[in-house]
PDB file of N, CA and C in Angstrom:
ATOM      1  N   MET A   1      42.585  20.248  -5.250  1.00  0.00           N
ATOM      2  CA  MET A   1      41.865  19.854  -4.055  1.00  0.00           C
ATOM      3  C   MET A   1      40.404  20.305  -4.166  1.00  0.00           C
ATOM      4  N   LYS A   2      39.479  19.395  -3.910  1.00  0.00           N
ATOM      5  CA  LYS A   2      38.057  19.711  -4.008  1.00  0.00           C
ATOM      6  C   LYS A   2      37.590  20.396  -2.737  1.00  0.00           C
ATOM      7  N   SER A   3      36.752  21.400  -2.916  1.00  0.00           N
ATOM      8  CA  SER A   3      36.213  22.070  -1.737  1.00  0.00           C
ATOM      9  C   SER A   3      35.083  21.235  -1.157  1.00  0.00           C
ATOM     10  N   ALA A   4      34.800  21.458   0.101  1.00  0.00           N
ATOM     11  CA  ALA A   4      33.770  20.688   0.798  1.00  0.00           C
ATOM     12  C   ALA A   4      32.398  20.892   0.175  1.00  0.00           C
ATOM     13  N   SER A   5      32.156  22.082  -0.383  1.00  0.00           N
ATOM     14  CA  SER A   5      30.840  22.358  -0.947  1.00  0.00           C
ATOM     15  C   SER A   5      30.599  21.610  -2.251  1.00  0.00           C
ATOM     16  N   LYS A   6      31.670  21.192  -2.934  1.00  0.00           N
ATOM     17  CA  LYS A   6      31.505  20.492  -4.205  1.00  0.00           C
ATOM     18  C   LYS A   6      31.448  18.982  -4.044  1.00  0.00           C
ATOM     19  N   ARG A   7      31.788  18.501  -2.859  1.00  0.00           N
ATOM     20  CA  ARG A   7      31.719  17.059  -2.638  1.00  0.00           C
ATOM     21  C   ARG A   7      30.268  16.623  -2.551  1.00  0.00           C
ATOM     22  N   ARG A   8      30.005  15.511  -3.121  1.00  0.00           N
ATOM     23  CA  ARG A   8      28.641  14.984  -3.067  1.00  0.00           C
ATOM     24  C   ARG A   8      28.633  13.722  -2.226  1.00  0.00           C
ATOM     25  N   THR A   9      27.718  13.682  -1.318  1.00  0.00           N
ATOM     26  CA  THR A   9      27.595  12.462  -0.527  1.00  0.00           C
ATOM     27  C   THR A   9      26.651  11.534  -1.267  1.00  0.00           C
ATOM     28  N   LYS A  10      26.995  10.282  -1.275  1.00  0.00           N
ATOM     29  CA  LYS A  10      26.141   9.312  -1.954  1.00  0.00           C
ATOM     30  C   LYS A  10      24.975   8.957  -1.047  1.00  0.00           C
ATOM     31  N   ILE A  11      23.792   9.120  -1.595  1.00  0.00           N
ATOM     32  CA  ILE A  11      22.580   8.758  -0.876  1.00  0.00           C
ATOM     33  C   ILE A  11      22.123   7.415  -1.404  1.00  0.00           C
ATOM     34  N   LYS A  12      21.935   6.476  -0.477  1.00  0.00           N
ATOM     35  CA  LYS A  12      21.481   5.160  -0.910  1.00  0.00           C
ATOM     36  C   LYS A  12      20.064   5.266  -1.445  1.00  0.00           C
ATOM     37  N   ARG A  13      19.876   4.723  -2.605  1.00  0.00           N
ATOM     38  CA  ARG A  13      18.563   4.723  -3.234  1.00  0.00           C
ATOM     39  C   ARG A  13      17.745   3.569  -2.658  1.00  0.00           C
ATOM     40  N   ASP A  14      16.486   3.833  -2.402  1.00  0.00           N
ATOM     41  CA  ASP A  14      15.598   2.806  -1.883  1.00  0.00           C
ATOM     42  C   ASP A  14      15.405   1.747  -2.965  1.00  0.00           C
ATOM     43  N   PRO A  15      15.740   0.485  -2.685  1.00  0.00           N
ATOM     44  CA  PRO A  15      15.630  -0.562  -3.702  1.00  0.00           C
ATOM     45  C   PRO A  15      14.191  -1.020  -3.956  1.00  0.00           C
ATOM     46  N   ASN A  16      13.274  -0.596  -3.098  1.00  0.00           N
ATOM     47  CA  ASN A  16      11.884  -1.031  -3.234  1.00  0.00           C
ATOM     48  C   ASN A  16      11.147  -0.235  -4.301  1.00  0.00           C
ATOM     49  N   ARG A  17      10.179  -0.884  -4.931  1.00  0.00           N
ATOM     50  CA  ARG A  17       9.304  -0.215  -5.896  1.00  0.00           C
ATOM     51  C   ARG A  17       7.936  -0.095  -5.250  1.00  0.00           C
ATOM     52  N   TYR A  18       7.376   1.085  -5.312  1.00  0.00           N
ATOM     53  CA  TYR A  18       6.101   1.339  -4.656  1.00  0.00           C
ATOM     54  C   TYR A  18       5.012   1.621  -5.685  1.00  0.00           C
ATOM     55  N   PRO A  19       3.777   1.304  -5.328  1.00  0.00           N
ATOM     56  CA  PRO A  19       2.660   1.657  -6.207  1.00  0.00           C
ATOM     57  C   PRO A  19       2.573   3.177  -6.352  1.00  0.00           C
ATOM     58  N   LYS A  20       1.889   3.602  -7.396  1.00  0.00           N
ATOM     59  CA  LYS A  20       1.712   5.025  -7.649  1.00  0.00           C
ATOM     60  C   LYS A  20       1.155   5.703  -6.389  1.00  0.00           C
ATOM     61  N   ASN A  21       1.647   6.874  -6.087  1.00  0.00           N
ATOM     62  CA  ASN A  21       1.235   7.694  -4.941  1.00  0.00           C
ATOM     63  C   ASN A  21       1.710   7.165  -3.589  1.00  0.00           C
ATOM     64  N   LEU A  22       2.588   6.165  -3.583  1.00  0.00           N
ATOM     65  CA  LEU A  22       3.157   5.675  -2.325  1.00  0.00           C
ATOM     66  C   LEU A  22       4.668   5.811  -2.370  1.00  0.00           C
ATOM     67  N   ASN A  23       5.248   5.999  -1.210  1.00  0.00           N
ATOM     68  CA  ASN A  23       6.697   6.028  -1.076  1.00  0.00           C
ATOM     69  C   ASN A  23       7.058   5.368   0.249  1.00  0.00           C
ATOM     70  N   ARG A  24       8.346   5.323   0.557  1.00  0.00           N
ATOM     71  CA  ARG A  24       8.786   4.640   1.767  1.00  0.00           C
ATOM     72  C   ARG A  24       8.139   5.232   3.018  1.00  0.00           C
ATOM     73  N   LYS A  25       8.053   6.545   3.079  1.00  0.00           N
ATOM     74  CA  LYS A  25       7.493   7.215   4.257  1.00  0.00           C
ATOM     75  C   LYS A  25       6.010   6.856   4.450  1.00  0.00           C
ATOM     76  N   LYS A  26       5.246   6.873   3.370  1.00  0.00           N
ATOM     77  CA  LYS A  26       3.819   6.541   3.469  1.00  0.00           C
ATOM     78  C   LYS A  26       3.612   5.072   3.831  1.00  0.00           C
ATOM     79  N   VAL A  27       4.427   4.192   3.248  1.00  0.00           N
ATOM     80  CA  VAL A  27       4.314   2.764   3.555  1.00  0.00           C
ATOM     81  C   VAL A  27       4.651   2.525   5.022  1.00  0.00           C
ATOM     82  N   GLN A  28       5.685   3.179   5.517  1.00  0.00           N
ATOM     83  CA  GLN A  28       6.060   3.021   6.921  1.00  0.00           C
ATOM     84  C   GLN A  28       4.950   3.526   7.837  1.00  0.00           C
ATOM     85  N   ALA A  29       4.286   4.612   7.449  1.00  0.00           N
ATOM     86  CA  ALA A  29       3.166   5.128   8.244  1.00  0.00           C
ATOM     87  C   ALA A  29       2.026   4.113   8.290  1.00  0.00           C
ATOM     88  N   LEU A  30       1.745   3.452   7.162  1.00  0.00           N
ATOM     89  CA  LEU A  30       0.711   2.413   7.146  1.00  0.00           C
ATOM     90  C   LEU A  30       1.084   1.241   8.043  1.00  0.00           C
ATOM     91  N   ILE A  31       2.342   0.817   7.953  1.00  0.00           N
ATOM     92  CA  ILE A  31       2.810  -0.287   8.794  1.00  0.00           C
ATOM     93  C   ILE A  31       2.643   0.083  10.266  1.00  0.00           C
ATOM     94  N   ASN A  32       3.062   1.286  10.636  1.00  0.00           N
ATOM     95  CA  ASN A  32       2.939   1.722  12.024  1.00  0.00           C
ATOM     96  C   ASN A  32       1.486   1.759  12.474  1.00  0.00           C
ATOM     97  N   TYR A  33       0.607   2.239  11.595  1.00  0.00           N
ATOM     98  CA  TYR A  33      -0.820   2.314  11.922  1.00  0.00           C
ATOM     99  C   TYR A  33      -1.378   0.934  12.263  1.00  0.00           C
ATOM    100  N   TYR A  34      -1.128  -0.031  11.392  1.00  0.00           N
ATOM    101  CA  TYR A  34      -1.704  -1.354  11.608  1.00  0.00           C
ATOM    102  C   TYR A  34      -1.000  -2.142  12.707  1.00  0.00           C
ATOM    103  N   GLU A  35       0.286  -1.929  12.896  1.00  0.00           N
ATOM    104  CA  GLU A  35       0.986  -2.626  13.969  1.00  0.00           C
ATOM    105  C   GLU A  35       0.583  -2.110  15.346  1.00  0.00           C
ATOM    106  N   ASN A  36       0.150  -0.862  15.425  1.00  0.00           N
ATOM    107  CA  ASN A  36      -0.224  -0.270  16.714  1.00  0.00           C
ATOM    108  C   ASN A  36      -1.729  -0.258  16.950  1.00  0.00           C
ATOM    109  N   GLN A  37      -2.479  -0.847  16.039  1.00  0.00           N
ATOM    110  CA  GLN A  37      -3.933  -0.894  16.148  1.00  0.00           C
ATOM    111  C   GLN A  37      -4.336  -1.950  17.177  1.00  0.00           C
ATOM    112  N   THR A  38      -5.289  -1.606  18.036  1.00  0.00           N
ATOM    113  CA  THR A  38      -5.792  -2.594  18.998  1.00  0.00           C
ATOM    114  C   THR A  38      -6.698  -3.588  18.278  1.00  0.00           C
ATOM    115  N   ASP A  39      -6.957  -4.714  18.923  1.00  0.00           N
ATOM    116  CA  ASP A  39      -7.858  -5.707  18.338  1.00  0.00           C
ATOM    117  C   ASP A  39      -9.246  -5.114  18.111  1.00  0.00           C
ATOM    118  N   ASP A  40      -9.728  -4.335  19.083  1.00  0.00           N
ATOM    119  CA  ASP A  40     -11.055  -3.721  18.941  1.00  0.00           C
ATOM    120  C   ASP A  40     -11.101  -2.741  17.766  1.00  0.00           C
ATOM    121  N   GLU A  41     -10.036  -1.970  17.574  1.00  0.00           N
ATOM    122  CA  GLU A  41      -9.978  -1.042  16.438  1.00  0.00           C
ATOM    123  C   GLU A  41      -9.955  -1.790  15.109  1.00  0.00           C
ATOM    124  N   ALA A  42      -9.216  -2.882  15.062  1.00  0.00           N
ATOM    125  CA  ALA A  42      -9.143  -3.676  13.834  1.00  0.00           C
ATOM    126  C   ALA A  42     -10.503  -4.289  13.504  1.00  0.00           C
ATOM    127  N   ILE A  43     -11.181  -4.800  14.518  1.00  0.00           N
ATOM    128  CA  ILE A  43     -12.509  -5.402  14.307  1.00  0.00           C
ATOM    129  C   ILE A  43     -13.495  -4.343  13.822  1.00  0.00           C
ATOM    130  N   SER A  44     -13.474  -3.175  14.438  1.00  0.00           N
ATOM    131  CA  SER A  44     -14.376  -2.090  14.021  1.00  0.00           C
ATOM    132  C   SER A  44     -14.120  -1.673  12.581  1.00  0.00           C
ATOM    133  N   GLU A  45     -12.853  -1.595  12.215  1.00  0.00           N
ATOM    134  CA  GLU A  45     -12.501  -1.210  10.845  1.00  0.00           C
ATOM    135  C   GLU A  45     -12.978  -2.258   9.842  1.00  0.00           C
ATOM    136  N   ALA A  46     -12.801  -3.528  10.171  1.00  0.00           N
ATOM    137  CA  ALA A  46     -13.235  -4.607   9.281  1.00  0.00           C
ATOM    138  C   ALA A  46     -14.759  -4.623   9.150  1.00  0.00           C
ATOM    139  N   GLU A  47     -15.452  -4.441  10.258  1.00  0.00           N
ATOM    140  CA  GLU A  47     -16.921  -4.424  10.214  1.00  0.00           C
ATOM    141  C   GLU A  47     -17.426  -3.266   9.371  1.00  0.00           C
ATOM    142  N   ALA A  48     -16.797  -2.123   9.486  1.00  0.00           N
ATOM    143  CA  ALA A  48     -17.204  -0.955   8.695  1.00  0.00           C
ATOM    144  C   ALA A  48     -16.994  -1.213   7.207  1.00  0.00           C
ATOM    145  N   ALA A  49     -15.932  -1.910   6.854  1.00  0.00           N
ATOM    146  CA  ALA A  49     -15.668  -2.221   5.445  1.00  0.00           C
ATOM    147  C   ALA A  49     -16.754  -3.120   4.876  1.00  0.00           C
ATOM    148  N   TYR A  50     -17.218  -4.081   5.652  1.00  0.00           N
ATOM    149  CA  TYR A  50     -18.272  -4.982   5.172  1.00  0.00           C
ATOM    150  C   TYR A  50     -19.620  -4.287   5.048  1.00  0.00           C
ATOM    151  N   LYS A  51     -19.820  -3.217   5.804  1.00  0.00           N
ATOM    152  CA  LYS A  51     -21.098  -2.501   5.770  1.00  0.00           C
ATOM    153  C   LYS A  51     -21.144  -1.425   4.687  1.00  0.00           C
ATOM    154  N   ASN A  52     -20.025  -1.129   4.036  1.00  0.00           N
ATOM    155  CA  ASN A  52     -19.975  -0.090   3.010  1.00  0.00           C
ATOM    156  C   ASN A  52     -20.760  -0.556   1.782  1.00  0.00           C
ATOM    157  N   PRO A  53     -21.852   0.132   1.432  1.00  0.00           N
ATOM    158  CA  PRO A  53     -22.684  -0.303   0.309  1.00  0.00           C
ATOM    159  C   PRO A  53     -22.030  -0.113  -1.063  1.00  0.00           C
ATOM    160  N   ALA A  54     -20.921   0.601  -1.126  1.00  0.00           N
ATOM    161  CA  ALA A  54     -20.243   0.830  -2.407  1.00  0.00           C
ATOM    162  C   ALA A  54     -19.390  -0.364  -2.824  1.00  0.00           C
ATOM    163  N   PHE A  55     -19.185  -1.307  -1.919  1.00  0.00           N
ATOM    164  CA  PHE A  55     -18.326  -2.455  -2.201  1.00  0.00           C
ATOM    165  C   PHE A  55     -19.005  -3.750  -1.804  1.00  0.00           C
ATOM    166  N   THR A  56     -18.495  -4.845  -2.360  1.00  0.00           N
ATOM    167  CA  THR A  56     -18.979  -6.163  -1.982  1.00  0.00           C
ATOM    168  C   THR A  56     -17.784  -7.078  -1.762  1.00  0.00           C
ATOM    169  N   MET A  57     -17.965  -8.048  -0.912  1.00  0.00           N
ATOM    170  CA  MET A  57     -16.918  -9.030  -0.656  1.00  0.00           C
ATOM    171  C   MET A  57     -17.375 -10.355  -1.255  1.00  0.00           C
ATOM    172  N   MET A  58     -16.464 -11.043  -1.919  1.00  0.00           N
ATOM    173  CA  MET A  58     -16.830 -12.339  -2.494  1.00  0.00           C
ATOM    174  C   MET A  58     -15.622 -13.253  -2.540  1.00  0.00           C
ATOM    175  N   ALA A  59     -15.885 -14.537  -2.536  1.00  0.00           N
ATOM    176  CA  ALA A  59     -14.824 -15.529  -2.668  1.00  0.00           C
ATOM    177  C   ALA A  59     -14.586 -15.780  -4.148  1.00  0.00           C
ATOM    178  N   ILE A  60     -13.320 -15.724  -4.548  1.00  0.00           N
ATOM    179  CA  ILE A  60     -12.947 -15.943  -5.952  1.00  0.00           C
ATOM    180  C   ILE A  60     -11.964 -17.099  -5.995  1.00  0.00           C
ATOM    181  N   PRO A  61     -12.188 -18.084  -6.844  1.00  0.00           N
ATOM    182  CA  PRO A  61     -11.216 -19.170  -6.959  1.00  0.00           C
ATOM    183  C   PRO A  61      -9.833 -18.609  -7.304  1.00  0.00           C
ATOM    184  N   VAL A  62      -8.824 -19.135  -6.659  1.00  0.00           N
ATOM    185  CA  VAL A  62      -7.459 -18.625  -6.808  1.00  0.00           C
ATOM    186  C   VAL A  62      -7.034 -18.530  -8.264  1.00  0.00           C
ATOM    187  N   GLU A  63      -7.388 -19.502  -9.071  1.00  0.00           N
ATOM    188  CA  GLU A  63      -6.949 -19.484 -10.469  1.00  0.00           C
ATOM    189  C   GLU A  63      -7.590 -18.354 -11.271  1.00  0.00           C
ATOM    190  N   LEU A  64      -8.684 -17.774 -10.765  1.00  0.00           N
ATOM    191  CA  LEU A  64      -9.340 -16.666 -11.469  1.00  0.00           C
ATOM    192  C   LEU A  64      -8.889 -15.285 -10.990  1.00  0.00           C
ATOM    193  N   VAL A  65      -8.145 -15.225  -9.912  1.00  0.00           N
ATOM    194  CA  VAL A  65      -7.725 -13.943  -9.348  1.00  0.00           C
ATOM    195  C   VAL A  65      -6.993 -13.067 -10.372  1.00  0.00           C
ATOM    196  N   PRO A  66      -6.020 -13.578 -11.134  1.00  0.00           N
ATOM    197  CA  PRO A  66      -5.360 -12.708 -12.118  1.00  0.00           C
ATOM    198  C   PRO A  66      -6.331 -12.103 -13.137  1.00  0.00           C
ATOM    199  N   LYS A  67      -7.310 -12.881 -13.576  1.00  0.00           N
ATOM    200  CA  LYS A  67      -8.287 -12.365 -14.540  1.00  0.00           C
ATOM    201  C   LYS A  67      -9.147 -11.273 -13.911  1.00  0.00           C
ATOM    202  N   VAL A  68      -9.561 -11.473 -12.677  1.00  0.00           N
ATOM    203  CA  VAL A  68     -10.370 -10.482 -11.984  1.00  0.00           C
ATOM    204  C   VAL A  68      -9.561  -9.203 -11.773  1.00  0.00           C
ATOM    205  N   GLN A  69      -8.293  -9.341 -11.405  1.00  0.00           N
ATOM    206  CA  GLN A  69      -7.427  -8.171 -11.225  1.00  0.00           C
ATOM    207  C   GLN A  69      -7.293  -7.384 -12.525  1.00  0.00           C
ATOM    208  N   ARG A  70      -7.160  -8.089 -13.647  1.00  0.00           N
ATOM    209  CA  ARG A  70      -7.068  -7.400 -14.943  1.00  0.00           C
ATOM    210  C   ARG A  70      -8.363  -6.653 -15.257  1.00  0.00           C
ATOM    211  N   LEU A  71      -9.494  -7.267 -14.986  1.00  0.00           N
ATOM    212  CA  LEU A  71     -10.778  -6.615 -15.232  1.00  0.00           C
ATOM    213  C   LEU A  71     -10.921  -5.351 -14.389  1.00  0.00           C
ATOM    214  N   ILE A  72     -10.522  -5.434 -13.132  1.00  0.00           N
ATOM    215  CA  ILE A  72     -10.600  -4.272 -12.246  1.00  0.00           C
ATOM    216  C   ILE A  72      -9.657  -3.171 -12.744  1.00  0.00           C
ATOM    217  N   SER A  73      -8.465  -3.541 -13.168  1.00  0.00           N
ATOM    218  CA  SER A  73      -7.497  -2.568 -13.687  1.00  0.00           C
ATOM    219  C   SER A  73      -8.033  -1.852 -14.910  1.00  0.00           C
ATOM    220  N   LYS A  74      -8.636  -2.621 -15.822  1.00  0.00           N
ATOM    221  CA  LYS A  74      -9.203  -2.018 -17.036  1.00  0.00           C
ATOM    222  C   LYS A  74     -10.293  -1.016 -16.687  1.00  0.00           C
ATOM    223  N   ARG A  75     -11.132  -1.393 -15.758  1.00  0.00           N
ATOM    224  CA  ARG A  75     -12.240  -0.509 -15.391  1.00  0.00           C
ATOM    225  C   ARG A  75     -11.737   0.744 -14.689  1.00  0.00           C
ATOM    226  N   ALA A  76     -10.691   0.605 -13.889  1.00  0.00           N
ATOM    227  CA  ALA A  76     -10.125   1.745 -13.164  1.00  0.00           C
ATOM    228  C   ALA A  76      -9.417   2.701 -14.103  1.00  0.00           C
ATOM    229  N   GLY A  77      -9.022   2.176 -15.257  1.00  0.00           N
ATOM    230  CA  GLY A  77      -8.368   3.027 -16.249  1.00  0.00           C
ATOM    231  C   GLY A  77      -6.924   3.069 -16.025  1.00  0.00           C
TER     232      GLY A  77
END
């Protein structure tokens, strides 16, 4: 007879794959943040992103997106 302390409960493994430095808890926190954001907060956040001098926004033809993503990945290391 197995003792209660030796029994192992099966923990369901999360079937999702997350980017580096993210997990289910962090992703859920992001979802909650954006789902509970007011329209005014969302607009302010978007405006601030466009004003950041470290970045630029541009339109890229859809067929070139994979190439641009590869270039960004290479540069990021």
